[in-house]
Amino acid sequence: MNSITMTNLGFFLNEVEFYEHIRMKKGSKRALPIERILESARNIPKPKVLYRISEAKIIDATHFTLDGIEFVSEIGVEKIAKTSYIFPNIVTAGAEIENYCFSRDNVLDQYIIMELCNFACQFAREALIRDVKNRYGVEIKDWIYPGEEGFWLESGKKIFELFENAETEIGVTVTEVGLTSPSRTAYAICFG
């Protein structure tokens, strides 16, 4: 099955949610430096999505395959047994905003920009959900992330093996221990 790559998502920051998240009132005197930081950085995030539909086969109570690649997760087996559609995916805020963050010396700048990274990654996840619904008519009902809910981190990085070249497609790499670059990247299996 071919992968679906989404790279031109047109990131839009929901400022109401952002200010609520950082527990600050927009327009307040305390928020002026944050508004300045956001103004300079708001157009930098380039969130991206890479996903596919996979064929799943349950091997036993703790092992399953996606397109022939074996995973270990009891909760994954349980979720596969209850669903019809499996979508391994990688979403990222993009290297652009993370690189911009690392170029800042001021701690407040770095903090606000990293929160902006988190919002960009969430924006990519929401774009994935919308695209799956529009393209396949399927609602995403559940997710498993490596390192959570008994889905081994070591097994989770196999998600990258399902894609020919995540680095070329969306600029993301993963280490042997499962750390991604850019760091504001999430990889998971979602179920519809």
N, C-alpha and C. Protein backbone atom coordinates (compact mmCIF):
# COMPACT_ATOMS: atom_id res chain seq x y z
N MET A 1 0.85 -1.18 0.00
CA MET A 1 0.00 0.00 0.00
C MET A 1 0.89 1.23 0.00
N ASN A 2 0.53 2.20 -0.79
CA ASN A 2 1.29 3.44 -0.87
C ASN A 2 1.04 4.32 0.35
N SER A 3 2.05 5.09 0.67
CA SER A 3 1.95 6.04 1.78
C SER A 3 1.33 7.34 1.31
N ILE A 4 0.73 8.04 2.23
CA ILE A 4 0.17 9.35 1.95
C ILE A 4 1.03 10.37 2.69
N THR A 5 1.54 11.34 1.94
CA THR A 5 2.40 12.37 2.50
C THR A 5 1.67 13.70 2.43
N MET A 6 1.64 14.40 3.55
CA MET A 6 1.00 15.71 3.61
C MET A 6 2.05 16.71 4.10
N THR A 7 2.47 17.61 3.21
CA THR A 7 3.53 18.55 3.57
C THR A 7 3.12 20.01 3.47
N ASN A 8 2.02 20.31 2.86
CA ASN A 8 1.56 21.70 2.72
C ASN A 8 0.28 21.91 3.51
N LEU A 9 0.41 21.84 4.82
CA LEU A 9 -0.78 21.87 5.67
C LEU A 9 -1.27 23.27 6.03
N GLY A 10 -0.46 24.28 5.81
CA GLY A 10 -0.90 25.64 6.12
C GLY A 10 -1.18 25.84 7.60
N PHE A 11 -0.16 25.69 8.41
CA PHE A 11 -0.30 25.77 9.86
C PHE A 11 -0.98 27.06 10.30
N PHE A 12 -1.92 26.91 11.22
CA PHE A 12 -2.62 28.05 11.82
C PHE A 12 -2.63 27.83 13.32
N LEU A 13 -2.11 28.78 14.08
CA LEU A 13 -2.07 28.68 15.52
C LEU A 13 -3.38 29.15 16.13
N ASN A 14 -3.99 28.30 16.94
CA ASN A 14 -5.17 28.68 17.70
C ASN A 14 -4.66 29.43 18.94
N GLU A 15 -4.66 30.75 18.87
CA GLU A 15 -4.09 31.55 19.94
C GLU A 15 -4.86 31.44 21.25
N VAL A 16 -6.16 31.28 21.17
CA VAL A 16 -6.95 31.13 22.40
C VAL A 16 -6.46 29.91 23.17
N GLU A 17 -6.36 28.78 22.49
CA GLU A 17 -5.88 27.57 23.14
C GLU A 17 -4.42 27.72 23.59
N PHE A 18 -3.61 28.39 22.79
CA PHE A 18 -2.20 28.55 23.14
C PHE A 18 -2.05 29.32 24.44
N TYR A 19 -2.73 30.46 24.54
CA TYR A 19 -2.62 31.27 25.75
C TYR A 19 -3.23 30.56 26.96
N GLU A 20 -4.28 29.81 26.75
CA GLU A 20 -4.83 29.01 27.86
C GLU A 20 -3.81 27.97 28.32
N HIS A 21 -3.15 27.36 27.35
CA HIS A 21 -2.16 26.33 27.67
C HIS A 21 -1.00 26.88 28.51
N ILE A 22 -0.54 28.06 28.16
CA ILE A 22 0.59 28.62 28.93
C ILE A 22 0.10 29.45 30.12
N ARG A 23 -1.21 29.45 30.33
CA ARG A 23 -1.84 30.14 31.47
C ARG A 23 -1.48 31.63 31.51
N MET A 24 -1.75 32.25 30.39
CA MET A 24 -1.46 33.67 30.24
C MET A 24 -2.63 34.31 29.52
N LYS A 25 -2.93 35.54 29.85
CA LYS A 25 -4.00 36.26 29.18
C LYS A 25 -3.41 37.08 28.04
N LYS A 26 -3.89 36.79 26.84
CA LYS A 26 -3.43 37.53 25.68
C LYS A 26 -3.80 38.99 25.86
N GLY A 27 -2.86 39.88 25.51
CA GLY A 27 -3.08 41.31 25.63
C GLY A 27 -2.66 41.88 26.96
N SER A 28 -2.37 41.01 27.92
CA SER A 28 -1.92 41.50 29.23
C SER A 28 -0.47 41.98 29.12
N LYS A 29 -0.06 42.77 30.09
CA LYS A 29 1.32 43.28 30.09
C LYS A 29 2.32 42.13 30.12
N ARG A 30 2.02 41.09 30.91
CA ARG A 30 2.92 39.93 30.98
C ARG A 30 3.02 39.18 29.66
N ALA A 31 1.97 39.28 28.83
CA ALA A 31 1.94 38.54 27.57
C ALA A 31 2.66 39.25 26.43
N LEU A 32 3.04 40.52 26.61
CA LEU A 32 3.67 41.26 25.51
C LEU A 32 4.91 40.58 24.96
N PRO A 33 5.84 40.08 25.79
CA PRO A 33 7.00 39.38 25.21
C PRO A 33 6.61 38.11 24.46
N ILE A 34 5.57 37.44 24.92
CA ILE A 34 5.12 36.22 24.25
C ILE A 34 4.50 36.56 22.90
N GLU A 35 3.72 37.61 22.86
CA GLU A 35 3.15 38.05 21.59
C GLU A 35 4.25 38.39 20.58
N ARG A 36 5.31 39.04 21.05
CA ARG A 36 6.45 39.36 20.18
C ARG A 36 7.11 38.09 19.65
N ILE A 37 7.31 37.12 20.52
CA ILE A 37 7.93 35.86 20.10
C ILE A 37 7.05 35.14 19.08
N LEU A 38 5.76 35.06 19.37
CA LEU A 38 4.84 34.39 18.44
C LEU A 38 4.77 35.10 17.10
N GLU A 39 4.79 36.43 17.14
CA GLU A 39 4.74 37.19 15.88
C GLU A 39 5.92 36.85 14.98
N SER A 40 7.10 36.70 15.58
CA SER A 40 8.28 36.39 14.77
C SER A 40 8.34 34.93 14.33
N ALA A 41 7.64 34.02 15.06
CA ALA A 41 7.79 32.59 14.79
C ALA A 41 6.56 31.91 14.19
N ARG A 42 5.42 32.58 14.18
CA ARG A 42 4.17 31.91 13.82
C ARG A 42 4.14 31.31 12.42
N ASN A 43 4.90 31.84 11.48
CA ASN A 43 4.88 31.32 10.10
C ASN A 43 5.99 30.32 9.83
N ILE A 44 6.78 30.00 10.84
CA ILE A 44 7.91 29.08 10.64
C ILE A 44 7.49 27.61 10.67
N PRO A 45 6.57 27.17 11.54
CA PRO A 45 6.23 25.74 11.57
C PRO A 45 5.72 25.24 10.22
N LYS A 46 6.24 24.09 9.83
CA LYS A 46 5.80 23.41 8.61
C LYS A 46 5.44 21.98 8.98
N PRO A 47 4.30 21.79 9.70
CA PRO A 47 3.94 20.45 10.12
C PRO A 47 3.73 19.53 8.93
N LYS A 48 4.04 18.25 9.15
CA LYS A 48 3.97 17.26 8.08
C LYS A 48 3.40 15.96 8.62
N VAL A 49 2.81 15.18 7.71
CA VAL A 49 2.19 13.90 8.07
C VAL A 49 2.61 12.85 7.04
N LEU A 50 2.88 11.65 7.54
CA LEU A 50 3.13 10.50 6.68
C LEU A 50 2.31 9.35 7.27
N TYR A 51 1.43 8.75 6.47
CA TYR A 51 0.65 7.64 6.98
C TYR A 51 0.27 6.69 5.87
N ARG A 52 -0.28 5.55 6.25
CA ARG A 52 -0.73 4.54 5.29
C ARG A 52 -1.76 3.64 5.95
N ILE A 53 -2.50 2.94 5.14
CA ILE A 53 -3.34 1.85 5.65
C ILE A 53 -2.46 0.61 5.64
N SER A 54 -2.54 -0.16 6.70
CA SER A 54 -1.76 -1.40 6.77
C SER A 54 -2.66 -2.60 6.97
N GLU A 55 -2.21 -3.72 6.45
CA GLU A 55 -2.88 -4.99 6.68
C GLU A 55 -2.30 -5.58 7.96
N ALA A 56 -3.17 -5.88 8.90
CA ALA A 56 -2.74 -6.43 10.19
C ALA A 56 -3.08 -7.90 10.28
N LYS A 57 -2.17 -8.65 10.91
CA LYS A 57 -2.42 -10.05 11.21
C LYS A 57 -2.01 -10.30 12.65
N ILE A 58 -2.90 -10.91 13.40
CA ILE A 58 -2.62 -11.25 14.80
C ILE A 58 -1.90 -12.60 14.81
N ILE A 59 -0.76 -12.63 15.50
CA ILE A 59 0.02 -13.86 15.61
C ILE A 59 -0.38 -14.62 16.87
N ASP A 60 -0.38 -13.91 17.99
CA ASP A 60 -0.80 -14.49 19.27
C ASP A 60 -1.25 -13.33 20.16
N ALA A 61 -1.36 -13.56 21.45
CA ALA A 61 -1.91 -12.56 22.36
C ALA A 61 -1.05 -11.32 22.51
N THR A 62 0.21 -11.38 22.11
CA THR A 62 1.11 -10.23 22.28
C THR A 62 1.83 -9.82 21.00
N HIS A 63 1.65 -10.54 19.92
CA HIS A 63 2.38 -10.24 18.67
C HIS A 63 1.41 -10.07 17.51
N PHE A 64 1.73 -9.11 16.66
CA PHE A 64 0.97 -8.90 15.44
C PHE A 64 1.91 -8.39 14.36
N THR A 65 1.46 -8.44 13.12
CA THR A 65 2.24 -7.87 12.03
C THR A 65 1.42 -6.80 11.34
N LEU A 66 2.13 -5.81 10.83
CA LEU A 66 1.55 -4.82 9.93
C LEU A 66 2.35 -4.93 8.64
N ASP A 67 1.70 -5.32 7.57
CA ASP A 67 2.35 -5.47 6.28
C ASP A 67 3.63 -6.31 6.39
N GLY A 68 3.55 -7.37 7.21
CA GLY A 68 4.65 -8.32 7.35
C GLY A 68 5.71 -7.96 8.38
N ILE A 69 5.63 -6.79 8.99
CA ILE A 69 6.60 -6.39 10.01
C ILE A 69 6.00 -6.69 11.39
N GLU A 70 6.76 -7.43 12.21
CA GLU A 70 6.25 -7.89 13.50
C GLU A 70 6.39 -6.83 14.59
N PHE A 71 5.33 -6.71 15.39
CA PHE A 71 5.28 -5.81 16.53
C PHE A 71 4.91 -6.60 17.78
N VAL A 72 5.29 -6.08 18.94
CA VAL A 72 4.95 -6.69 20.22
C VAL A 72 4.11 -5.70 21.01
N SER A 73 2.88 -6.09 21.29
CA SER A 73 2.00 -5.25 22.11
C SER A 73 0.68 -5.98 22.34
N GLU A 74 0.43 -6.33 23.59
CA GLU A 74 -0.83 -6.98 23.92
C GLU A 74 -2.00 -6.04 23.64
N ILE A 75 -1.84 -4.77 24.01
CA ILE A 75 -2.92 -3.80 23.77
C ILE A 75 -3.12 -3.59 22.26
N GLY A 76 -2.03 -3.64 21.49
CA GLY A 76 -2.14 -3.54 20.03
C GLY A 76 -2.97 -4.68 19.45
N VAL A 77 -2.72 -5.89 19.93
CA VAL A 77 -3.50 -7.05 19.48
C VAL A 77 -4.97 -6.85 19.81
N GLU A 78 -5.25 -6.39 21.03
CA GLU A 78 -6.64 -6.17 21.44
C GLU A 78 -7.33 -5.14 20.56
N LYS A 79 -6.62 -4.07 20.23
CA LYS A 79 -7.21 -3.00 19.41
C LYS A 79 -7.41 -3.46 17.96
N ILE A 80 -6.47 -4.23 17.44
CA ILE A 80 -6.60 -4.75 16.07
C ILE A 80 -7.82 -5.66 15.97
N ALA A 81 -8.03 -6.48 17.00
CA ALA A 81 -9.16 -7.41 16.99
C ALA A 81 -10.51 -6.69 16.94
N LYS A 82 -10.54 -5.43 17.37
CA LYS A 82 -11.80 -4.68 17.46
C LYS A 82 -11.98 -3.66 16.33
N THR A 83 -11.09 -3.64 15.35
CA THR A 83 -11.15 -2.58 14.35
C THR A 83 -11.00 -3.13 12.94
N SER A 84 -11.33 -2.31 11.97
CA SER A 84 -11.21 -2.71 10.57
C SER A 84 -10.07 -2.00 9.85
N TYR A 85 -9.68 -0.83 10.33
CA TYR A 85 -8.67 -0.03 9.66
C TYR A 85 -7.51 0.27 10.60
N ILE A 86 -6.30 0.08 10.12
CA ILE A 86 -5.10 0.36 10.90
C ILE A 86 -4.25 1.34 10.10
N PHE A 87 -3.87 2.45 10.75
CA PHE A 87 -3.10 3.50 10.09
C PHE A 87 -1.82 3.80 10.87
N PRO A 88 -0.71 3.16 10.53
CA PRO A 88 0.56 3.62 11.12
C PRO A 88 0.85 5.03 10.59
N ASN A 89 1.45 5.86 11.42
CA ASN A 89 1.65 7.24 10.99
C ASN A 89 2.80 7.91 11.72
N ILE A 90 3.30 8.95 11.10
CA ILE A 90 4.33 9.81 11.68
C ILE A 90 3.86 11.24 11.45
N VAL A 91 3.80 12.03 12.52
CA VAL A 91 3.47 13.45 12.39
C VAL A 91 4.59 14.26 13.02
N THR A 92 4.86 15.42 12.45
CA THR A 92 5.95 16.24 12.96
C THR A 92 5.63 17.72 12.86
N ALA A 93 6.20 18.49 13.77
CA ALA A 93 6.10 19.95 13.71
C ALA A 93 6.97 20.48 12.58
N GLY A 94 7.95 19.71 12.19
CA GLY A 94 8.89 20.11 11.14
C GLY A 94 10.20 20.61 11.72
N ALA A 95 11.25 20.35 11.00
CA ALA A 95 12.58 20.77 11.45
C ALA A 95 12.73 22.29 11.46
N GLU A 96 11.97 22.97 10.62
CA GLU A 96 12.12 24.41 10.48
C GLU A 96 11.94 25.14 11.81
N ILE A 97 10.85 24.82 12.52
CA ILE A 97 10.58 25.52 13.78
C ILE A 97 11.53 25.06 14.88
N GLU A 98 11.87 23.79 14.89
CA GLU A 98 12.80 23.32 15.92
C GLU A 98 14.19 23.94 15.73
N ASN A 99 14.64 24.03 14.49
CA ASN A 99 15.93 24.67 14.22
C ASN A 99 15.91 26.15 14.63
N TYR A 100 14.79 26.81 14.37
CA TYR A 100 14.64 28.20 14.78
C TYR A 100 14.73 28.31 16.30
N CYS A 101 14.09 27.39 17.00
CA CYS A 101 14.14 27.39 18.47
C CYS A 101 15.58 27.27 18.96
N PHE A 102 16.33 26.35 18.38
CA PHE A 102 17.71 26.12 18.82
C PHE A 102 18.61 27.31 18.54
N SER A 103 18.19 28.19 17.64
CA SER A 103 18.99 29.37 17.33
C SER A 103 18.74 30.52 18.32
N ARG A 104 17.77 30.36 19.19
CA ARG A 104 17.43 31.40 20.19
C ARG A 104 18.28 31.22 21.45
N ASP A 105 18.73 32.33 22.00
CA ASP A 105 19.51 32.30 23.23
C ASP A 105 18.65 32.51 24.47
N ASN A 106 17.58 33.24 24.33
CA ASN A 106 16.71 33.59 25.45
C ASN A 106 15.85 32.39 25.85
N VAL A 107 15.83 32.07 27.13
CA VAL A 107 15.08 30.92 27.63
C VAL A 107 13.58 31.07 27.38
N LEU A 108 13.03 32.26 27.55
CA LEU A 108 11.61 32.47 27.28
C LEU A 108 11.31 32.21 25.81
N ASP A 109 12.16 32.71 24.92
CA ASP A 109 11.98 32.43 23.49
C ASP A 109 11.95 30.93 23.23
N GLN A 110 12.91 30.22 23.80
CA GLN A 110 12.98 28.77 23.58
C GLN A 110 11.74 28.07 24.10
N TYR A 111 11.29 28.45 25.29
CA TYR A 111 10.10 27.81 25.87
C TYR A 111 8.87 28.04 24.99
N ILE A 112 8.62 29.29 24.61
CA ILE A 112 7.43 29.61 23.81
C ILE A 112 7.51 28.93 22.44
N ILE A 113 8.68 28.91 21.84
CA ILE A 113 8.81 28.29 20.52
C ILE A 113 8.64 26.78 20.61
N MET A 114 9.12 26.16 21.69
CA MET A 114 8.90 24.72 21.85
C MET A 114 7.42 24.42 22.07
N GLU A 115 6.73 25.29 22.76
CA GLU A 115 5.27 25.11 22.89
C GLU A 115 4.61 25.28 21.52
N LEU A 116 5.09 26.21 20.72
CA LEU A 116 4.61 26.38 19.36
C LEU A 116 4.86 25.09 18.55
N CYS A 117 6.02 24.47 18.76
CA CYS A 117 6.33 23.17 18.13
C CYS A 117 5.28 22.14 18.51
N ASN A 118 4.94 22.08 19.79
CA ASN A 118 3.95 21.11 20.25
C ASN A 118 2.60 21.36 19.58
N PHE A 119 2.21 22.62 19.46
CA PHE A 119 0.95 22.94 18.81
C PHE A 119 1.00 22.57 17.32
N ALA A 120 2.14 22.75 16.69
CA ALA A 120 2.28 22.38 15.27
C ALA A 120 2.18 20.87 15.09
N CYS A 121 2.74 20.12 16.01
CA CYS A 121 2.65 18.66 15.95
C CYS A 121 1.20 18.22 16.14
N GLN A 122 0.50 18.84 17.08
CA GLN A 122 -0.92 18.54 17.29
C GLN A 122 -1.74 18.92 16.05
N PHE A 123 -1.38 20.03 15.41
CA PHE A 123 -2.04 20.46 14.18
C PHE A 123 -1.90 19.38 13.10
N ALA A 124 -0.69 18.78 13.00
CA ALA A 124 -0.45 17.71 12.03
C ALA A 124 -1.32 16.49 12.36
N ARG A 125 -1.42 16.16 13.63
CA ARG A 125 -2.24 15.02 14.05
C ARG A 125 -3.70 15.25 13.67
N GLU A 126 -4.20 16.46 13.89
CA GLU A 126 -5.58 16.78 13.53
C GLU A 126 -5.78 16.73 12.02
N ALA A 127 -4.77 17.14 11.26
CA ALA A 127 -4.84 17.07 9.80
C ALA A 127 -4.93 15.61 9.35
N LEU A 128 -4.17 14.74 10.01
CA LEU A 128 -4.23 13.30 9.72
C LEU A 128 -5.65 12.78 9.96
N ILE A 129 -6.24 13.11 11.09
CA ILE A 129 -7.59 12.65 11.42
C ILE A 129 -8.59 13.11 10.36
N ARG A 130 -8.50 14.38 9.96
CA ARG A 130 -9.41 14.91 8.93
C ARG A 130 -9.20 14.22 7.59
N ASP A 131 -7.93 13.98 7.23
CA ASP A 131 -7.65 13.37 5.93
C ASP A 131 -8.16 11.93 5.88
N VAL A 132 -7.97 11.18 6.95
CA VAL A 132 -8.48 9.81 7.00
C VAL A 132 -10.00 9.81 6.85
N LYS A 133 -10.66 10.73 7.53
CA LYS A 133 -12.13 10.83 7.43
C LYS A 133 -12.56 11.18 6.00
N ASN A 134 -11.89 12.17 5.40
CA ASN A 134 -12.25 12.60 4.04
C ASN A 134 -11.90 11.56 2.99
N ARG A 135 -10.75 10.96 3.11
CA ARG A 135 -10.26 10.03 2.09
C ARG A 135 -10.91 8.65 2.19
N TYR A 136 -11.11 8.17 3.41
CA TYR A 136 -11.58 6.80 3.61
C TYR A 136 -12.95 6.70 4.28
N GLY A 137 -13.49 7.83 4.74
CA GLY A 137 -14.76 7.81 5.44
C GLY A 137 -14.68 7.09 6.78
N VAL A 138 -13.50 7.15 7.40
CA VAL A 138 -13.25 6.40 8.63
C VAL A 138 -12.94 7.37 9.76
N GLU A 139 -13.56 7.13 10.91
CA GLU A 139 -13.26 7.90 12.12
C GLU A 139 -12.13 7.21 12.86
N ILE A 140 -11.13 7.97 13.27
CA ILE A 140 -10.07 7.43 14.12
C ILE A 140 -10.64 7.31 15.52
N LYS A 141 -10.59 6.11 16.07
CA LYS A 141 -11.19 5.84 17.38
C LYS A 141 -10.15 5.68 18.48
N ASP A 142 -8.93 5.30 18.12
CA ASP A 142 -7.96 4.99 19.16
C ASP A 142 -6.55 5.10 18.60
N TRP A 143 -5.59 5.23 19.50
CA TRP A 143 -4.17 5.35 19.14
C TRP A 143 -3.34 4.53 20.10
N ILE A 144 -2.21 4.04 19.65
CA ILE A 144 -1.19 3.55 20.58
C ILE A 144 0.14 4.18 20.15
N TYR A 145 0.85 4.68 21.14
CA TYR A 145 2.14 5.30 20.93
C TYR A 145 3.22 4.42 21.53
N PRO A 146 4.37 4.31 20.89
CA PRO A 146 5.47 3.53 21.46
C PRO A 146 5.83 4.02 22.85
N GLY A 147 6.02 3.08 23.75
CA GLY A 147 6.38 3.40 25.12
C GLY A 147 5.17 3.59 26.02
N GLU A 148 3.97 3.53 25.46
CA GLU A 148 2.75 3.68 26.24
C GLU A 148 1.89 2.43 26.11
N GLU A 149 1.11 2.17 27.11
CA GLU A 149 0.12 1.09 27.09
C GLU A 149 0.69 -0.26 26.66
N GLY A 150 1.89 -0.58 27.11
CA GLY A 150 2.47 -1.88 26.79
C GLY A 150 2.94 -2.02 25.36
N PHE A 151 3.05 -0.92 24.63
CA PHE A 151 3.59 -0.96 23.27
C PHE A 151 5.06 -0.59 23.38
N TRP A 152 5.89 -1.59 23.30
CA TRP A 152 7.32 -1.43 23.54
C TRP A 152 7.92 -0.36 22.65
N LEU A 153 8.75 0.49 23.23
CA LEU A 153 9.43 1.53 22.47
C LEU A 153 10.27 0.93 21.36
N GLU A 154 10.97 -0.17 21.66
CA GLU A 154 11.81 -0.83 20.66
C GLU A 154 10.99 -1.35 19.49
N SER A 155 9.80 -1.83 19.78
CA SER A 155 8.93 -2.33 18.73
C SER A 155 8.31 -1.18 17.95
N GLY A 156 8.04 -0.09 18.65
CA GLY A 156 7.40 1.05 18.02
C GLY A 156 8.19 1.67 16.90
N LYS A 157 9.52 1.68 17.04
CA LYS A 157 10.31 2.31 15.97
C LYS A 157 10.22 1.54 14.66
N LYS A 158 9.65 0.33 14.72
CA LYS A 158 9.43 -0.43 13.49
C LYS A 158 8.39 0.26 12.60
N ILE A 159 7.62 1.17 13.19
CA ILE A 159 6.68 1.94 12.38
C ILE A 159 7.41 2.60 11.22
N PHE A 160 8.64 3.06 11.48
CA PHE A 160 9.42 3.70 10.42
C PHE A 160 9.74 2.73 9.29
N GLU A 161 9.84 1.43 9.60
CA GLU A 161 10.13 0.44 8.57
C GLU A 161 8.98 0.29 7.59
N LEU A 162 7.79 0.69 7.98
CA LEU A 162 6.63 0.60 7.11
C LEU A 162 6.65 1.65 6.00
N PHE A 163 7.51 2.63 6.16
CA PHE A 163 7.59 3.72 5.18
C PHE A 163 8.94 3.65 4.47
N GLU A 164 8.93 3.86 3.18
CA GLU A 164 10.16 3.73 2.41
C GLU A 164 11.24 4.69 2.87
N ASN A 165 10.88 5.96 3.06
CA ASN A 165 11.90 6.91 3.47
C ASN A 165 11.27 8.13 4.14
N ALA A 166 11.07 8.02 5.43
CA ALA A 166 10.45 9.13 6.18
C ALA A 166 11.33 10.38 6.14
N GLU A 167 12.63 10.19 6.05
CA GLU A 167 13.53 11.35 6.01
C GLU A 167 13.32 12.15 4.74
N THR A 168 13.23 11.49 3.61
CA THR A 168 13.02 12.19 2.35
C THR A 168 11.61 12.77 2.27
N GLU A 169 10.63 12.01 2.74
CA GLU A 169 9.23 12.43 2.62
C GLU A 169 8.86 13.60 3.53
N ILE A 170 9.24 13.51 4.83
CA ILE A 170 8.82 14.55 5.77
C ILE A 170 9.96 15.06 6.66
N GLY A 171 11.20 14.63 6.38
CA GLY A 171 12.35 15.16 7.11
C GLY A 171 12.54 14.62 8.51
N VAL A 172 12.07 13.39 8.78
CA VAL A 172 12.15 12.80 10.11
C VAL A 172 13.04 11.57 10.10
N THR A 173 13.88 11.45 11.13
CA THR A 173 14.68 10.24 11.33
C THR A 173 14.42 9.71 12.74
N VAL A 174 14.78 8.44 12.95
CA VAL A 174 14.63 7.82 14.26
C VAL A 174 15.91 7.05 14.58
N THR A 175 16.33 7.13 15.85
CA THR A 175 17.53 6.40 16.28
C THR A 175 17.16 4.98 16.68
N GLU A 176 18.16 4.19 16.97
CA GLU A 176 17.95 2.81 17.41
C GLU A 176 17.13 2.74 18.69
N VAL A 177 17.24 3.75 19.55
CA VAL A 177 16.48 3.72 20.80
C VAL A 177 15.12 4.41 20.67
N GLY A 178 14.76 4.86 19.47
CA GLY A 178 13.44 5.41 19.24
C GLY A 178 13.30 6.91 19.35
N LEU A 179 14.42 7.63 19.46
CA LEU A 179 14.36 9.09 19.53
C LEU A 179 14.29 9.66 18.11
N THR A 180 13.41 10.63 17.93
CA THR A 180 13.23 11.20 16.60
C THR A 180 13.95 12.53 16.47
N SER A 181 14.24 12.87 15.25
CA SER A 181 14.72 14.19 14.90
C SER A 181 13.90 14.63 13.69
N PRO A 182 13.21 15.77 13.80
CA PRO A 182 13.09 16.67 14.93
C PRO A 182 12.41 16.00 16.12
N SER A 183 12.70 16.54 17.30
CA SER A 183 12.17 15.92 18.52
C SER A 183 10.66 16.06 18.64
N ARG A 184 10.09 17.11 18.08
CA ARG A 184 8.64 17.29 18.15
C ARG A 184 8.00 16.52 17.01
N THR A 185 8.14 15.20 17.12
CA THR A 185 7.59 14.24 16.17
C THR A 185 6.92 13.15 16.97
N ALA A 186 5.78 12.68 16.50
CA ALA A 186 5.10 11.56 17.14
C ALA A 186 4.86 10.48 16.10
N TYR A 187 5.09 9.25 16.49
CA TYR A 187 4.77 8.14 15.61
C TYR A 187 3.91 7.16 16.38
N ALA A 188 2.91 6.63 15.69
CA ALA A 188 1.88 5.84 16.38
C ALA A 188 1.18 4.93 15.38
N ILE A 189 0.30 4.13 15.93
CA ILE A 189 -0.64 3.35 15.13
C ILE A 189 -2.02 3.81 15.57
N CYS A 190 -2.84 4.20 14.61
CA CYS A 190 -4.20 4.59 14.97
C CYS A 190 -5.19 3.61 14.33
N PHE A 191 -6.34 3.54 14.95
CA PHE A 191 -7.34 2.53 14.59
C PHE A 191 -8.65 3.21 14.25
N GLY A 192 -9.28 2.75 13.16
CA GLY A 192 -10.54 3.32 12.75
C GLY A 192 -11.57 2.26 12.51
